[in-house]
Amino acid sequence: MDLDPATLPYRPCAGFMLVNSERRVFVGERINPKAHGYWQMPQGGIDPGEDPHTAALRELEEETGIGPELVDVVAPASEPLHYDLPLDLVGNVWKGKYRGQIQHWYLGRFKGDDAAINLEAHDPAEFRAYQWVEPEALPDLIIPFKRGVYTALVKQFLPLI
């Protein structure tokens, strides 16, 4: 079956750039073997009827164990950002229903400490490990097809960090 990605919609998604007191950003290393060695910020699909802000905080808690009571939301991104999947992944990821994701991002400050982080807070877990990194390092850590989104986020959020 030939799948034309241009005919597919983007999957609605929300993500969270969490910054600690040292102005470093949380990233987790994906468990998925195909993404081994790549790190990303917490993010995931928006459920039907869910607003992006709620989804971003839910994904943050599911993937890190960090609840909304430990976060001060600073700002949303000025507009949703999107990426396209590589052609070889379009028919395999999300059962071939989407060409990529349109992502609503939020910046927030972490009010807790690392003891609050629980990568197994949700089953299945998304991350095998985490680290706090300089914001400027983010684009080099993410899987290549998402680098444009991370570059745009760093440019937009860096003055607020």
C-alpha atoms as a PDB file:
ATOM      1  CA  MET A   1       0.000   0.000   0.000  1.00  0.00           C
ATOM      2  CA  ASP A   2       1.372   3.387  -0.997  1.00  0.00           C
ATOM      3  CA  LEU A   3       0.727   5.984   1.652  1.00  0.00           C
ATOM      4  CA  ASP A   4       0.868   9.660   0.730  1.00  0.00           C
ATOM      5  CA  PRO A   5       1.863  11.531   3.919  1.00  0.00           C
ATOM      6  CA  ALA A   6       0.474  14.784   2.522  1.00  0.00           C
ATOM      7  CA  THR A   7      -3.047  13.310   2.813  1.00  0.00           C
ATOM      8  CA  LEU A   8      -2.639  12.546   6.522  1.00  0.00           C
ATOM      9  CA  PRO A   9      -3.313  14.914   9.435  1.00  0.00           C
ATOM     10  CA  TYR A  10      -0.907  15.820  12.226  1.00  0.00           C
ATOM     11  CA  ARG A  11      -1.386  14.145  15.598  1.00  0.00           C
ATOM     12  CA  PRO A  12      -2.306  16.694  18.305  1.00  0.00           C
ATOM     13  CA  CYS A  13       0.373  16.737  20.979  1.00  0.00           C
ATOM     14  CA  ALA A  14       1.439  18.749  24.025  1.00  0.00           C
ATOM     15  CA  GLY A  15       4.896  19.050  25.532  1.00  0.00           C
ATOM     16  CA  PHE A  16       6.617  20.602  28.528  1.00  0.00           C
ATOM     17  CA  MET A  17      10.017  22.268  28.871  1.00  0.00           C
ATOM     18  CA  LEU A  18      10.737  21.906  32.586  1.00  0.00           C
ATOM     19  CA  VAL A  19      13.542  24.063  33.981  1.00  0.00           C
ATOM     20  CA  ASN A  20      15.163  23.550  37.379  1.00  0.00           C
ATOM     21  CA  SER A  21      16.623  26.151  39.744  1.00  0.00           C
ATOM     22  CA  GLU A  22      19.971  25.936  37.902  1.00  0.00           C
ATOM     23  CA  ARG A  23      18.271  26.967  34.623  1.00  0.00           C
ATOM     24  CA  ARG A  24      18.775  23.492  33.149  1.00  0.00           C
ATOM     25  CA  VAL A  25      16.128  21.563  31.223  1.00  0.00           C
ATOM     26  CA  PHE A  26      14.807  18.077  31.998  1.00  0.00           C
ATOM     27  CA  VAL A  27      15.272  15.469  29.254  1.00  0.00           C
ATOM     28  CA  GLY A  28      14.614  11.747  29.349  1.00  0.00           C
ATOM     29  CA  GLU A  29      16.270   9.037  27.307  1.00  0.00           C
ATOM     30  CA  ARG A  30      13.636   7.121  25.357  1.00  0.00           C
ATOM     31  CA  ILE A  31      13.144   3.440  26.199  1.00  0.00           C
ATOM     32  CA  ASN A  32      12.203   2.637  22.597  1.00  0.00           C
ATOM     33  CA  PRO A  33      15.207   0.739  21.133  1.00  0.00           C
ATOM     34  CA  LYS A  34      14.898   2.623  17.822  1.00  0.00           C
ATOM     35  CA  ALA A  35      15.286   5.896  19.716  1.00  0.00           C
ATOM     36  CA  HIS A  36      18.077   4.680  22.041  1.00  0.00           C
ATOM     37  CA  GLY A  37      20.613   7.408  22.660  1.00  0.00           C
ATOM     38  CA  TYR A  38      18.148  10.211  21.951  1.00  0.00           C
ATOM     39  CA  TRP A  39      16.768  12.417  24.688  1.00  0.00           C
ATOM     40  CA  GLN A  40      13.569  14.410  24.701  1.00  0.00           C
ATOM     41  CA  MET A  41      11.410  16.591  26.873  1.00  0.00           C
ATOM     42  CA  PRO A  42       8.124  15.169  28.191  1.00  0.00           C
ATOM     43  CA  GLN A  43       5.434  15.200  25.515  1.00  0.00           C
ATOM     44  CA  GLY A  44       2.560  13.145  24.188  1.00  0.00           C
ATOM     45  CA  GLY A  45      -0.837  13.044  22.571  1.00  0.00           C
ATOM     46  CA  ILE A  46      -3.753  15.244  23.503  1.00  0.00           C
ATOM     47  CA  ASP A  47      -6.792  13.179  24.458  1.00  0.00           C
ATOM     48  CA  PRO A  48     -10.156  13.944  22.792  1.00  0.00           C
ATOM     49  CA  GLY A  49     -11.758  16.933  24.555  1.00  0.00           C
ATOM     50  CA  GLU A  50      -8.553  17.757  26.473  1.00  0.00           C
ATOM     51  CA  ASP A  51      -7.018  21.217  26.204  1.00  0.00           C
ATOM     52  CA  PRO A  52      -3.270  21.461  25.413  1.00  0.00           C
ATOM     53  CA  HIS A  53      -2.336  23.005  28.783  1.00  0.00           C
ATOM     54  CA  THR A  54      -3.964  20.157  30.717  1.00  0.00           C
ATOM     55  CA  ALA A  55      -2.413  17.604  28.348  1.00  0.00           C
ATOM     56  CA  ALA A  56       1.082  19.057  28.803  1.00  0.00           C
ATOM     57  CA  LEU A  57       0.829  18.834  32.603  1.00  0.00           C
ATOM     58  CA  ARG A  58      -0.645  15.316  32.383  1.00  0.00           C
ATOM     59  CA  GLU A  59       2.174  14.130  30.118  1.00  0.00           C
ATOM     60  CA  LEU A  60       4.756  15.710  32.426  1.00  0.00           C
ATOM     61  CA  GLU A  61       3.303  13.846  35.406  1.00  0.00           C
ATOM     62  CA  GLU A  62       2.927  10.536  33.544  1.00  0.00           C
ATOM     63  CA  GLU A  63       6.470  10.576  32.204  1.00  0.00           C
ATOM     64  CA  THR A  64       8.304  12.056  35.210  1.00  0.00           C
ATOM     65  CA  GLY A  65       6.057  11.664  38.257  1.00  0.00           C
ATOM     66  CA  ILE A  66       6.184  15.454  38.695  1.00  0.00           C
ATOM     67  CA  GLY A  67       2.695  16.700  39.518  1.00  0.00           C
ATOM     68  CA  PRO A  68       1.320  20.155  38.689  1.00  0.00           C
ATOM     69  CA  GLU A  69       1.758  21.256  42.309  1.00  0.00           C
ATOM     70  CA  LEU A  70       5.543  21.153  41.725  1.00  0.00           C
ATOM     71  CA  VAL A  71       5.451  23.326  38.609  1.00  0.00           C
ATOM     72  CA  ASP A  72       5.022  27.035  37.923  1.00  0.00           C
ATOM     73  CA  VAL A  73       3.882  27.393  34.316  1.00  0.00           C
ATOM     74  CA  VAL A  74       5.752  30.369  32.848  1.00  0.00           C
ATOM     75  CA  ALA A  75       4.385  30.594  29.310  1.00  0.00           C
ATOM     76  CA  PRO A  76       3.002  28.689  26.356  1.00  0.00           C
ATOM     77  CA  ALA A  77       4.864  28.715  23.057  1.00  0.00           C
ATOM     78  CA  SER A  78       3.590  31.508  20.824  1.00  0.00           C
ATOM     79  CA  GLU A  79       2.169  28.997  18.337  1.00  0.00           C
ATOM     80  CA  PRO A  80       1.972  25.250  17.807  1.00  0.00           C
ATOM     81  CA  LEU A  81       5.013  23.691  16.150  1.00  0.00           C
ATOM     82  CA  HIS A  82       4.971  20.656  13.906  1.00  0.00           C
ATOM     83  CA  TYR A  83       7.284  18.014  12.527  1.00  0.00           C
ATOM     84  CA  ASP A  84       6.911  15.382   9.834  1.00  0.00           C
ATOM     85  CA  LEU A  85       7.912  11.781  10.348  1.00  0.00           C
ATOM     86  CA  PRO A  86      10.505  10.343   7.977  1.00  0.00           C
ATOM     87  CA  LEU A  87       8.780   8.480   5.113  1.00  0.00           C
ATOM     88  CA  ASP A  88       9.878   5.074   6.416  1.00  0.00           C
ATOM     89  CA  LEU A  89       8.040   5.721   9.707  1.00  0.00           C
ATOM     90  CA  VAL A  90       4.783   7.207   8.408  1.00  0.00           C
ATOM     91  CA  GLY A  91       3.084   3.852   7.862  1.00  0.00           C
ATOM     92  CA  ASN A  92       4.426   2.335  11.090  1.00  0.00           C
ATOM     93  CA  VAL A  93       4.006   4.944  13.820  1.00  0.00           C
ATOM     94  CA  TRP A  94       0.503   5.604  15.214  1.00  0.00           C
ATOM     95  CA  LYS A  95      -0.891   2.852  12.948  1.00  0.00           C
ATOM     96  CA  GLY A  96      -0.267   5.009   9.888  1.00  0.00           C
ATOM     97  CA  LYS A  97      -2.936   7.570  10.842  1.00  0.00           C
ATOM     98  CA  TYR A  98      -0.668  10.643  11.067  1.00  0.00           C
ATOM     99  CA  ARG A  99       2.119  12.296   9.104  1.00  0.00           C
ATOM    100  CA  GLY A 100       3.746  13.760  12.216  1.00  0.00           C
ATOM    101  CA  GLN A 101       2.729  15.861  15.185  1.00  0.00           C
ATOM    102  CA  ILE A 102       1.485  19.379  15.792  1.00  0.00           C
ATOM    103  CA  GLN A 103       2.791  20.237  19.230  1.00  0.00           C
ATOM    104  CA  HIS A 104       1.640  22.761  21.841  1.00  0.00           C
ATOM    105  CA  TRP A 105       4.572  23.511  24.162  1.00  0.00           C
ATOM    106  CA  TYR A 106       4.765  25.059  27.633  1.00  0.00           C
ATOM    107  CA  LEU A 107       7.660  26.339  29.684  1.00  0.00           C
ATOM    108  CA  GLY A 108       7.628  25.814  33.439  1.00  0.00           C
ATOM    109  CA  ARG A 109       9.826  26.015  36.510  1.00  0.00           C
ATOM    110  CA  PHE A 110      10.329  22.955  38.700  1.00  0.00           C
ATOM    111  CA  LYS A 111       9.689  23.761  42.371  1.00  0.00           C
ATOM    112  CA  GLY A 112      10.770  20.360  43.701  1.00  0.00           C
ATOM    113  CA  ASP A 113      13.959  18.361  43.795  1.00  0.00           C
ATOM    114  CA  ASP A 114      15.074  15.218  41.994  1.00  0.00           C
ATOM    115  CA  ALA A 115      13.536  13.002  44.700  1.00  0.00           C
ATOM    116  CA  ALA A 116      10.132  13.875  43.174  1.00  0.00           C
ATOM    117  CA  ILE A 117      11.105  12.359  39.811  1.00  0.00           C
ATOM    118  CA  ASN A 118       9.701   8.900  39.133  1.00  0.00           C
ATOM    119  CA  LEU A 119      10.247   7.625  35.596  1.00  0.00           C
ATOM    120  CA  GLU A 120       7.989   4.652  36.333  1.00  0.00           C
ATOM    121  CA  ALA A 121       5.009   6.755  37.439  1.00  0.00           C
ATOM    122  CA  HIS A 122       3.030   5.508  34.434  1.00  0.00           C
ATOM    123  CA  ASP A 123       2.898   2.110  32.764  1.00  0.00           C
ATOM    124  CA  PRO A 124       4.425   1.827  30.276  1.00  0.00           C
ATOM    125  CA  ALA A 125       7.351   4.067  31.168  1.00  0.00           C
ATOM    126  CA  GLU A 126       8.681   6.338  28.413  1.00  0.00           C
ATOM    127  CA  PHE A 127      12.187   7.044  29.696  1.00  0.00           C
ATOM    128  CA  ARG A 128      15.057   4.824  30.895  1.00  0.00           C
ATOM    129  CA  ALA A 129      17.085   7.702  32.387  1.00  0.00           C
ATOM    130  CA  TYR A 130      16.993  11.466  32.778  1.00  0.00           C
ATOM    131  CA  GLN A 131      19.379  14.389  33.015  1.00  0.00           C
ATOM    132  CA  TRP A 132      19.295  18.155  33.323  1.00  0.00           C
ATOM    133  CA  VAL A 133      20.950  19.924  30.369  1.00  0.00           C
ATOM    134  CA  GLU A 134      21.727  23.411  29.145  1.00  0.00           C
ATOM    135  CA  PRO A 135      18.852  24.649  26.963  1.00  0.00           C
ATOM    136  CA  GLU A 136      21.193  25.248  24.025  1.00  0.00           C
ATOM    137  CA  ALA A 137      22.114  21.521  23.999  1.00  0.00           C
ATOM    138  CA  LEU A 138      18.535  20.378  23.362  1.00  0.00           C
ATOM    139  CA  PRO A 139      18.557  20.297  19.528  1.00  0.00           C
ATOM    140  CA  ASP A 140      21.629  18.056  19.484  1.00  0.00           C
ATOM    141  CA  LEU A 141      20.028  15.517  21.849  1.00  0.00           C
ATOM    142  CA  ILE A 142      16.703  14.973  20.081  1.00  0.00           C
ATOM    143  CA  ILE A 143      16.077  12.535  17.247  1.00  0.00           C
ATOM    144  CA  PRO A 144      17.000  14.391  14.020  1.00  0.00           C
ATOM    145  CA  PHE A 145      13.500  14.781  12.552  1.00  0.00           C
ATOM    146  CA  LYS A 146      12.392  16.754  15.659  1.00  0.00           C
ATOM    147  CA  ARG A 147      15.380  19.159  15.718  1.00  0.00           C
ATOM    148  CA  GLY A 148      13.520  22.014  14.042  1.00  0.00           C
ATOM    149  CA  VAL A 149      10.922  22.028  16.820  1.00  0.00           C
ATOM    150  CA  TYR A 150      13.581  21.983  19.547  1.00  0.00           C
ATOM    151  CA  THR A 151      15.588  24.744  17.868  1.00  0.00           C
ATOM    152  CA  ALA A 152      12.470  26.935  17.693  1.00  0.00           C
ATOM    153  CA  LEU A 153      11.605  26.221  21.338  1.00  0.00           C
ATOM    154  CA  VAL A 154      15.073  27.117  22.582  1.00  0.00           C
ATOM    155  CA  LYS A 155      15.012  30.359  20.618  1.00  0.00           C
ATOM    156  CA  GLN A 156      11.599  31.292  21.977  1.00  0.00           C
ATOM    157  CA  PHE A 157      11.939  30.145  25.598  1.00  0.00           C
ATOM    158  CA  LEU A 158      15.613  30.969  26.304  1.00  0.00           C
ATOM    159  CA  PRO A 159      14.906  34.633  27.213  1.00  0.00           C
ATOM    160  CA  LEU A 160      12.295  33.408  29.745  1.00  0.00           C
ATOM    161  CA  ILE A 161      14.605  30.879  31.389  1.00  0.00           C
END
